[in-house]
Amino acid sequence: MNISAKLSDERVLDVHCDEHRLIVDLMDGRTISVPLAWYPRLLHAAPEARAHWELCGGGYGIHWPDIDEDLSTEGLLRGAPAPKAA
């Protein structure tokens, strides 16, 4: 028997930061950990602002209203850092 159904659920379960990393837990049990240095707005934000996040995009995105930052699980899984400022 061949089961080809997609078993992953890439929606956000929880988000937190430590001194150097953004850590995102997904509904399917995976955890994404990326350097805060990839996201300058998060890196330079106060810990309180980093801790104040909201789900967006049907659970596939994260929005930080205090610093106007938005990230998607798709981009995080791809390893996409924030674009360089012009």
PDB file of N, CA and C in Angstrom:
ATOM      1  N   MET A   1       0.832  -1.169   0.000  1.00  0.00           N
ATOM      2  CA  MET A   1       0.000   0.000   0.000  1.00  0.00           C
ATOM      3  C   MET A   1       0.886   1.244   0.000  1.00  0.00           C
ATOM      4  N   ASN A   2       0.556   2.202  -0.848  1.00  0.00           N
ATOM      5  CA  ASN A   2       1.316   3.441  -0.952  1.00  0.00           C
ATOM      6  C   ASN A   2       0.464   4.597  -0.444  1.00  0.00           C
ATOM      7  N   ILE A   3       0.918   5.230   0.602  1.00  0.00           N
ATOM      8  CA  ILE A   3       0.196   6.378   1.151  1.00  0.00           C
ATOM      9  C   ILE A   3       0.952   7.630   0.748  1.00  0.00           C
ATOM     10  N   SER A   4       0.319   8.469  -0.063  1.00  0.00           N
ATOM     11  CA  SER A   4       0.997   9.675  -0.526  1.00  0.00           C
ATOM     12  C   SER A   4       0.342  10.951   0.010  1.00  0.00           C
ATOM     13  N   ALA A   5      -0.548  10.821   0.958  1.00  0.00           N
ATOM     14  CA  ALA A   5      -1.203  11.999   1.526  1.00  0.00           C
ATOM     15  C   ALA A   5      -0.190  12.834   2.302  1.00  0.00           C
ATOM     16  N   LYS A   6      -0.344  14.127   2.217  1.00  0.00           N
ATOM     17  CA  LYS A   6       0.529  15.041   2.950  1.00  0.00           C
ATOM     18  C   LYS A   6       0.148  14.994   4.424  1.00  0.00           C
ATOM     19  N   LEU A   7       1.098  14.613   5.270  1.00  0.00           N
ATOM     20  CA  LEU A   7       0.835  14.471   6.690  1.00  0.00           C
ATOM     21  C   LEU A   7       1.334  15.655   7.508  1.00  0.00           C
ATOM     22  N   SER A   8       1.941  16.627   6.865  1.00  0.00           N
ATOM     23  CA  SER A   8       2.480  17.760   7.614  1.00  0.00           C
ATOM     24  C   SER A   8       1.426  18.847   7.777  1.00  0.00           C
ATOM     25  N   ASP A   9       1.547  19.572   8.869  1.00  0.00           N
ATOM     26  CA  ASP A   9       0.669  20.711   9.136  1.00  0.00           C
ATOM     27  C   ASP A   9       1.584  21.870   9.491  1.00  0.00           C
ATOM     28  N   GLU A  10       1.816  22.744   8.536  1.00  0.00           N
ATOM     29  CA  GLU A  10       2.792  23.816   8.670  1.00  0.00           C
ATOM     30  C   GLU A  10       2.222  25.066   9.343  1.00  0.00           C
ATOM     31  N   ARG A  11       1.073  24.935   9.996  1.00  0.00           N
ATOM     32  CA  ARG A  11       0.533  26.076  10.733  1.00  0.00           C
ATOM     33  C   ARG A  11       1.302  26.279  12.037  1.00  0.00           C
ATOM     34  N   VAL A  12       1.329  27.517  12.497  1.00  0.00           N
ATOM     35  CA  VAL A  12       2.082  27.904  13.693  1.00  0.00           C
ATOM     36  C   VAL A  12       1.334  27.470  14.950  1.00  0.00           C
ATOM     37  N   LEU A  13       2.073  26.847  15.857  1.00  0.00           N
ATOM     38  CA  LEU A  13       1.549  26.493  17.166  1.00  0.00           C
ATOM     39  C   LEU A  13       2.033  27.490  18.222  1.00  0.00           C
ATOM     40  N   ASP A  14       3.334  27.812  18.188  1.00  0.00           N
ATOM     41  CA  ASP A  14       3.905  28.710  19.184  1.00  0.00           C
ATOM     42  C   ASP A  14       5.134  29.399  18.595  1.00  0.00           C
ATOM     43  N   VAL A  15       5.451  30.561  19.145  1.00  0.00           N
ATOM     44  CA  VAL A  15       6.593  31.364  18.697  1.00  0.00           C
ATOM     45  C   VAL A  15       7.301  31.915  19.923  1.00  0.00           C
ATOM     46  N   HIS A  16       8.615  31.822  19.928  1.00  0.00           N
ATOM     47  CA  HIS A  16       9.380  32.485  20.979  1.00  0.00           C
ATOM     48  C   HIS A  16      10.791  32.773  20.460  1.00  0.00           C
ATOM     49  N   CYS A  17      11.463  33.635  21.178  1.00  0.00           N
ATOM     50  CA  CYS A  17      12.829  34.019  20.819  1.00  0.00           C
ATOM     51  C   CYS A  17      13.710  33.837  22.037  1.00  0.00           C
ATOM     52  N   ASP A  18      14.955  33.464  21.778  1.00  0.00           N
ATOM     53  CA  ASP A  18      15.961  33.566  22.824  1.00  0.00           C
ATOM     54  C   ASP A  18      16.904  34.686  22.390  1.00  0.00           C
ATOM     55  N   GLU A  19      18.045  34.773  22.980  1.00  0.00           N
ATOM     56  CA  GLU A  19      18.952  35.876  22.686  1.00  0.00           C
ATOM     57  C   GLU A  19      19.413  35.910  21.228  1.00  0.00           C
ATOM     58  N   HIS A  20      19.486  34.725  20.597  1.00  0.00           N
ATOM     59  CA  HIS A  20      20.060  34.645  19.252  1.00  0.00           C
ATOM     60  C   HIS A  20      19.143  34.042  18.198  1.00  0.00           C
ATOM     61  N   ARG A  21      18.020  33.449  18.608  1.00  0.00           N
ATOM     62  CA  ARG A  21      17.216  32.692  17.648  1.00  0.00           C
ATOM     63  C   ARG A  21      15.724  33.017  17.734  1.00  0.00           C
ATOM     64  N   LEU A  22      15.071  32.890  16.574  1.00  0.00           N
ATOM     65  CA  LEU A  22      13.618  32.847  16.488  1.00  0.00           C
ATOM     66  C   LEU A  22      13.264  31.365  16.412  1.00  0.00           C
ATOM     67  N   ILE A  23      12.346  30.936  17.255  1.00  0.00           N
ATOM     68  CA  ILE A  23      11.978  29.528  17.329  1.00  0.00           C
ATOM     69  C   ILE A  23      10.474  29.426  17.115  1.00  0.00           C
ATOM     70  N   VAL A  24      10.076  28.663  16.100  1.00  0.00           N
ATOM     71  CA  VAL A  24       8.666  28.510  15.749  1.00  0.00           C
ATOM     72  C   VAL A  24       8.305  27.034  15.804  1.00  0.00           C
ATOM     73  N   ASP A  25       7.330  26.708  16.652  1.00  0.00           N
ATOM     74  CA  ASP A  25       6.811  25.346  16.731  1.00  0.00           C
ATOM     75  C   ASP A  25       5.618  25.238  15.798  1.00  0.00           C
ATOM     76  N   LEU A  26       5.591  24.161  15.008  1.00  0.00           N
ATOM     77  CA  LEU A  26       4.504  23.928  14.071  1.00  0.00           C
ATOM     78  C   LEU A  26       3.521  22.907  14.627  1.00  0.00           C
ATOM     79  N   MET A  27       2.319  22.921  14.089  1.00  0.00           N
ATOM     80  CA  MET A  27       1.262  22.015  14.532  1.00  0.00           C
ATOM     81  C   MET A  27       1.642  20.542  14.359  1.00  0.00           C
ATOM     82  N   ASP A  28       2.491  20.242  13.379  1.00  0.00           N
ATOM     83  CA  ASP A  28       2.830  18.839  13.122  1.00  0.00           C
ATOM     84  C   ASP A  28       3.995  18.327  13.980  1.00  0.00           C
ATOM     85  N   GLY A  29       4.451  19.148  14.927  1.00  0.00           N
ATOM     86  CA  GLY A  29       5.506  18.710  15.838  1.00  0.00           C
ATOM     87  C   GLY A  29       6.898  19.176  15.469  1.00  0.00           C
ATOM     88  N   ARG A  30       7.071  19.742  14.288  1.00  0.00           N
ATOM     89  CA  ARG A  30       8.387  20.253  13.904  1.00  0.00           C
ATOM     90  C   ARG A  30       8.652  21.590  14.570  1.00  0.00           C
ATOM     91  N   THR A  31       9.934  21.907  14.712  1.00  0.00           N
ATOM     92  CA  THR A  31      10.373  23.193  15.242  1.00  0.00           C
ATOM     93  C   THR A  31      11.361  23.801  14.258  1.00  0.00           C
ATOM     94  N   ILE A  32      11.124  25.063  13.914  1.00  0.00           N
ATOM     95  CA  ILE A  32      12.024  25.815  13.040  1.00  0.00           C
ATOM     96  C   ILE A  32      12.807  26.770  13.925  1.00  0.00           C
ATOM     97  N   SER A  33      14.118  26.788  13.777  1.00  0.00           N
ATOM     98  CA  SER A  33      14.971  27.698  14.530  1.00  0.00           C
ATOM     99  C   SER A  33      15.875  28.418  13.531  1.00  0.00           C
ATOM    100  N   VAL A  34      15.793  29.758  13.542  1.00  0.00           N
ATOM    101  CA  VAL A  34      16.590  30.556  12.612  1.00  0.00           C
ATOM    102  C   VAL A  34      17.269  31.696  13.380  1.00  0.00           C
ATOM    103  N   PRO A  35      18.401  32.175  12.890  1.00  0.00           N
ATOM    104  CA  PRO A  35      19.087  33.277  13.573  1.00  0.00           C
ATOM    105  C   PRO A  35      18.254  34.559  13.560  1.00  0.00           C
ATOM    106  N   LEU A  36      18.170  35.223  14.696  1.00  0.00           N
ATOM    107  CA  LEU A  36      17.497  36.525  14.745  1.00  0.00           C
ATOM    108  C   LEU A  36      18.173  37.522  13.815  1.00  0.00           C
ATOM    109  N   ALA A  37      19.467  37.364  13.588  1.00  0.00           N
ATOM    110  CA  ALA A  37      20.205  38.267  12.708  1.00  0.00           C
ATOM    111  C   ALA A  37      19.629  38.284  11.290  1.00  0.00           C
ATOM    112  N   TRP A  38      18.893  37.250  10.906  1.00  0.00           N
ATOM    113  CA  TRP A  38      18.256  37.222   9.591  1.00  0.00           C
ATOM    114  C   TRP A  38      17.105  38.213   9.494  1.00  0.00           C
ATOM    115  N   TYR A  39      16.575  38.628  10.630  1.00  0.00           N
ATOM    116  CA  TYR A  39      15.396  39.499  10.669  1.00  0.00           C
ATOM    117  C   TYR A  39      15.708  40.710  11.551  1.00  0.00           C
ATOM    118  N   PRO A  40      16.316  41.748  10.979  1.00  0.00           N
ATOM    119  CA  PRO A  40      16.782  42.898  11.765  1.00  0.00           C
ATOM    120  C   PRO A  40      15.713  43.556  12.642  1.00  0.00           C
ATOM    121  N   ARG A  41      14.475  43.614  12.170  1.00  0.00           N
ATOM    122  CA  ARG A  41      13.426  44.214  13.004  1.00  0.00           C
ATOM    123  C   ARG A  41      13.243  43.429  14.297  1.00  0.00           C
ATOM    124  N   LEU A  42      13.257  42.110  14.199  1.00  0.00           N
ATOM    125  CA  LEU A  42      13.142  41.286  15.403  1.00  0.00           C
ATOM    126  C   LEU A  42      14.400  41.392  16.254  1.00  0.00           C
ATOM    127  N   LEU A  43      15.550  41.368  15.610  1.00  0.00           N
ATOM    128  CA  LEU A  43      16.825  41.431  16.327  1.00  0.00           C
ATOM    129  C   LEU A  43      16.916  42.678  17.198  1.00  0.00           C
ATOM    130  N   HIS A  44      16.484  43.814  16.667  1.00  0.00           N
ATOM    131  CA  HIS A  44      16.627  45.083  17.373  1.00  0.00           C
ATOM    132  C   HIS A  44      15.413  45.444  18.222  1.00  0.00           C
ATOM    133  N   ALA A  45      14.396  44.617  18.210  1.00  0.00           N
ATOM    134  CA  ALA A  45      13.191  44.891  19.009  1.00  0.00           C
ATOM    135  C   ALA A  45      13.405  44.494  20.466  1.00  0.00           C
ATOM    136  N   ALA A  46      12.669  45.133  21.335  1.00  0.00           N
ATOM    137  CA  ALA A  46      12.694  44.775  22.759  1.00  0.00           C
ATOM    138  C   ALA A  46      12.095  43.370  22.929  1.00  0.00           C
ATOM    139  N   PRO A  47      12.548  42.635  23.928  1.00  0.00           N
ATOM    140  CA  PRO A  47      11.989  41.299  24.173  1.00  0.00           C
ATOM    141  C   PRO A  47      10.466  41.299  24.305  1.00  0.00           C
ATOM    142  N   GLU A  48       9.907  42.356  24.879  1.00  0.00           N
ATOM    143  CA  GLU A  48       8.453  42.446  25.020  1.00  0.00           C
ATOM    144  C   GLU A  48       7.769  42.524  23.664  1.00  0.00           C
ATOM    145  N   ALA A  49       8.362  43.266  22.727  1.00  0.00           N
ATOM    146  CA  ALA A  49       7.799  43.387  21.378  1.00  0.00           C
ATOM    147  C   ALA A  49       7.910  42.063  20.629  1.00  0.00           C
ATOM    148  N   ARG A  50       9.012  41.347  20.814  1.00  0.00           N
ATOM    149  CA  ARG A  50       9.162  40.023  20.179  1.00  0.00           C
ATOM    150  C   ARG A  50       8.139  39.040  20.713  1.00  0.00           C
ATOM    151  N   ALA A  51       7.812  39.174  21.989  1.00  0.00           N
ATOM    152  CA  ALA A  51       6.874  38.239  22.620  1.00  0.00           C
ATOM    153  C   ALA A  51       5.424  38.531  22.234  1.00  0.00           C
ATOM    154  N   HIS A  52       5.155  39.717  21.681  1.00  0.00           N
ATOM    155  CA  HIS A  52       3.796  40.106  21.296  1.00  0.00           C
ATOM    156  C   HIS A  52       3.586  39.801  19.809  1.00  0.00           C
ATOM    157  N   TRP A  53       3.135  38.593  19.517  1.00  0.00           N
ATOM    158  CA  TRP A  53       2.919  38.165  18.138  1.00  0.00           C
ATOM    159  C   TRP A  53       1.486  37.675  17.979  1.00  0.00           C
ATOM    160  N   GLU A  54       1.045  37.629  16.723  1.00  0.00           N
ATOM    161  CA  GLU A  54      -0.299  37.166  16.382  1.00  0.00           C
ATOM    162  C   GLU A  54      -0.209  36.226  15.203  1.00  0.00           C
ATOM    163  N   LEU A  55      -1.128  35.274  15.143  1.00  0.00           N
ATOM    164  CA  LEU A  55      -1.250  34.440  13.955  1.00  0.00           C
ATOM    165  C   LEU A  55      -1.885  35.242  12.843  1.00  0.00           C
ATOM    166  N   CYS A  56      -1.477  34.976  11.617  1.00  0.00           N
ATOM    167  CA  CYS A  56      -2.119  35.577  10.454  1.00  0.00           C
ATOM    168  C   CYS A  56      -2.074  34.560   9.320  1.00  0.00           C
ATOM    169  N   GLY A  57      -2.699  34.884   8.223  1.00  0.00           N
ATOM    170  CA  GLY A  57      -2.657  34.000   7.061  1.00  0.00           C
ATOM    171  C   GLY A  57      -3.198  32.614   7.330  1.00  0.00           C
ATOM    172  N   GLY A  58      -4.279  32.529   8.099  1.00  0.00           N
ATOM    173  CA  GLY A  58      -4.881  31.225   8.373  1.00  0.00           C
ATOM    174  C   GLY A  58      -4.018  30.330   9.234  1.00  0.00           C
ATOM    175  N   GLY A  59      -3.078  30.919   9.961  1.00  0.00           N
ATOM    176  CA  GLY A  59      -2.195  30.144  10.829  1.00  0.00           C
ATOM    177  C   GLY A  59      -0.850  29.831  10.205  1.00  0.00           C
ATOM    178  N   TYR A  60      -0.668  30.236   8.952  1.00  0.00           N
ATOM    179  CA  TYR A  60       0.595  29.991   8.252  1.00  0.00           C
ATOM    180  C   TYR A  60       1.540  31.193   8.319  1.00  0.00           C
ATOM    181  N   GLY A  61       1.143  32.221   9.058  1.00  0.00           N
ATOM    182  CA  GLY A  61       1.966  33.416   9.169  1.00  0.00           C
ATOM    183  C   GLY A  61       2.012  33.919  10.595  1.00  0.00           C
ATOM    184  N   ILE A  62       3.018  34.752  10.858  1.00  0.00           N
ATOM    185  CA  ILE A  62       3.223  35.365  12.159  1.00  0.00           C
ATOM    186  C   ILE A  62       3.345  36.869  11.941  1.00  0.00           C
ATOM    187  N   HIS A  63       2.619  37.625  12.759  1.00  0.00           N
ATOM    188  CA  HIS A  63       2.666  39.083  12.671  1.00  0.00           C
ATOM    189  C   HIS A  63       3.047  39.641  14.033  1.00  0.00           C
ATOM    190  N   TRP A  64       4.037  40.548  14.037  1.00  0.00           N
ATOM    191  CA  TRP A  64       4.437  41.272  15.236  1.00  0.00           C
ATOM    192  C   TRP A  64       3.937  42.704  15.074  1.00  0.00           C
ATOM    193  N   PRO A  65       2.797  43.064  15.685  1.00  0.00           N
ATOM    194  CA  PRO A  65       2.224  44.398  15.461  1.00  0.00           C
ATOM    195  C   PRO A  65       3.077  45.543  15.985  1.00  0.00           C
ATOM    196  N   ASP A  66       3.834  45.319  17.039  1.00  0.00           N
ATOM    197  CA  ASP A  66       4.640  46.403  17.616  1.00  0.00           C
ATOM    198  C   ASP A  66       5.820  46.806  16.742  1.00  0.00           C
ATOM    199  N   ILE A  67       6.254  45.901  15.870  1.00  0.00           N
ATOM    200  CA  ILE A  67       7.416  46.208  15.022  1.00  0.00           C
ATOM    201  C   ILE A  67       7.108  46.064  13.530  1.00  0.00           C
ATOM    202  N   ASP A  68       5.836  45.798  13.205  1.00  0.00           N
ATOM    203  CA  ASP A  68       5.382  45.678  11.815  1.00  0.00           C
ATOM    204  C   ASP A  68       6.216  44.670  11.029  1.00  0.00           C
ATOM    205  N   GLU A  69       6.351  43.476  11.585  1.00  0.00           N
ATOM    206  CA  GLU A  69       7.087  42.385  10.924  1.00  0.00           C
ATOM    207  C   GLU A  69       6.121  41.244  10.656  1.00  0.00           C
ATOM    208  N   ASP A  70       6.236  40.644   9.483  1.00  0.00           N
ATOM    209  CA  ASP A  70       5.418  39.501   9.102  1.00  0.00           C
ATOM    210  C   ASP A  70       6.308  38.433   8.496  1.00  0.00           C
ATOM    211  N   LEU A  71       6.135  37.196   8.963  1.00  0.00           N
ATOM    212  CA  LEU A  71       6.873  36.061   8.415  1.00  0.00           C
ATOM    213  C   LEU A  71       5.896  34.922   8.159  1.00  0.00           C
ATOM    214  N   SER A  72       6.218  34.086   7.180  1.00  0.00           N
ATOM    215  CA  SER A  72       5.393  32.920   6.879  1.00  0.00           C
ATOM    216  C   SER A  72       6.169  31.646   7.185  1.00  0.00           C
ATOM    217  N   THR A  73       5.436  30.593   7.486  1.00  0.00           N
ATOM    218  CA  THR A  73       6.114  29.309   7.703  1.00  0.00           C
ATOM    219  C   THR A  73       6.773  28.840   6.417  1.00  0.00           C
ATOM    220  N   GLU A  74       6.178  29.152   5.285  1.00  0.00           N
ATOM    221  CA  GLU A  74       6.792  28.770   4.007  1.00  0.00           C
ATOM    222  C   GLU A  74       8.184  29.381   3.864  1.00  0.00           C
ATOM    223  N   GLY A  75       8.303  30.678   4.140  1.00  0.00           N
ATOM    224  CA  GLY A  75       9.596  31.348   4.050  1.00  0.00           C
ATOM    225  C   GLY A  75      10.584  30.827   5.076  1.00  0.00           C
ATOM    226  N   LEU A  76      10.109  30.583   6.299  1.00  0.00           N
ATOM    227  CA  LEU A  76      10.992  30.048   7.337  1.00  0.00           C
ATOM    228  C   LEU A  76      11.510  28.667   6.966  1.00  0.00           C
ATOM    229  N   LEU A  77      10.633  27.824   6.433  1.00  0.00           N
ATOM    230  CA  LEU A  77      11.057  26.476   6.031  1.00  0.00           C
ATOM    231  C   LEU A  77      12.026  26.521   4.849  1.00  0.00           C
ATOM    232  N   ARG A  78      11.873  27.523   3.983  1.00  0.00           N
ATOM    233  CA  ARG A  78      12.791  27.701   2.850  1.00  0.00           C
ATOM    234  C   ARG A  78      14.124  28.276   3.299  1.00  0.00           C
ATOM    235  N   GLY A  79      14.174  28.843   4.504  1.00  0.00           N
ATOM    236  CA  GLY A  79      15.409  29.473   4.974  1.00  0.00           C
ATOM    237  C   GLY A  79      15.621  30.831   4.368  1.00  0.00           C
ATOM    238  N   ALA A  80      14.528  31.567   4.191  1.00  0.00           N
ATOM    239  CA  ALA A  80      14.605  32.880   3.537  1.00  0.00           C
ATOM    240  C   ALA A  80      14.782  33.995   4.570  1.00  0.00           C
ATOM    241  N   PRO A  81      15.968  34.624   4.617  1.00  0.00           N
ATOM    242  CA  PRO A  81      16.139  35.783   5.495  1.00  0.00           C
ATOM    243  C   PRO A  81      15.404  36.997   4.940  1.00  0.00           C
ATOM    244  N   ALA A  82      15.279  38.042   5.751  1.00  0.00           N
ATOM    245  CA  ALA A  82      14.642  39.282   5.304  1.00  0.00           C
ATOM    246  C   ALA A  82      15.458  39.894   4.169  1.00  0.00           C
ATOM    247  N   PRO A  83      14.782  40.533   3.218  1.00  0.00           N
ATOM    248  CA  PRO A  83      15.511  41.205   2.138  1.00  0.00           C
ATOM    249  C   PRO A  83      16.402  42.317   2.705  1.00  0.00           C
ATOM    250  N   LYS A  84      17.509  42.544   2.060  1.00  0.00           N
ATOM    251  CA  LYS A  84      18.424  43.637   2.468  1.00  0.00           C
ATOM    252  C   LYS A  84      17.764  44.973   2.172  1.00  0.00           C
ATOM    253  N   ALA A  85      17.917  45.918   3.101  1.00  0.00           N
ATOM    254  CA  ALA A  85      17.379  47.265   2.896  1.00  0.00           C
ATOM    255  C   ALA A  85      18.152  47.977   1.799  1.00  0.00           C
ATOM    256  N   ALA A  86      17.422  48.741   1.006  1.00  0.00           N
ATOM    257  CA  ALA A  86      18.056  49.460  -0.122  1.00  0.00           C
ATOM    258  C   ALA A  86      18.784  50.692   0.341  1.00  0.00           C
TER     259      ALA A  86
END
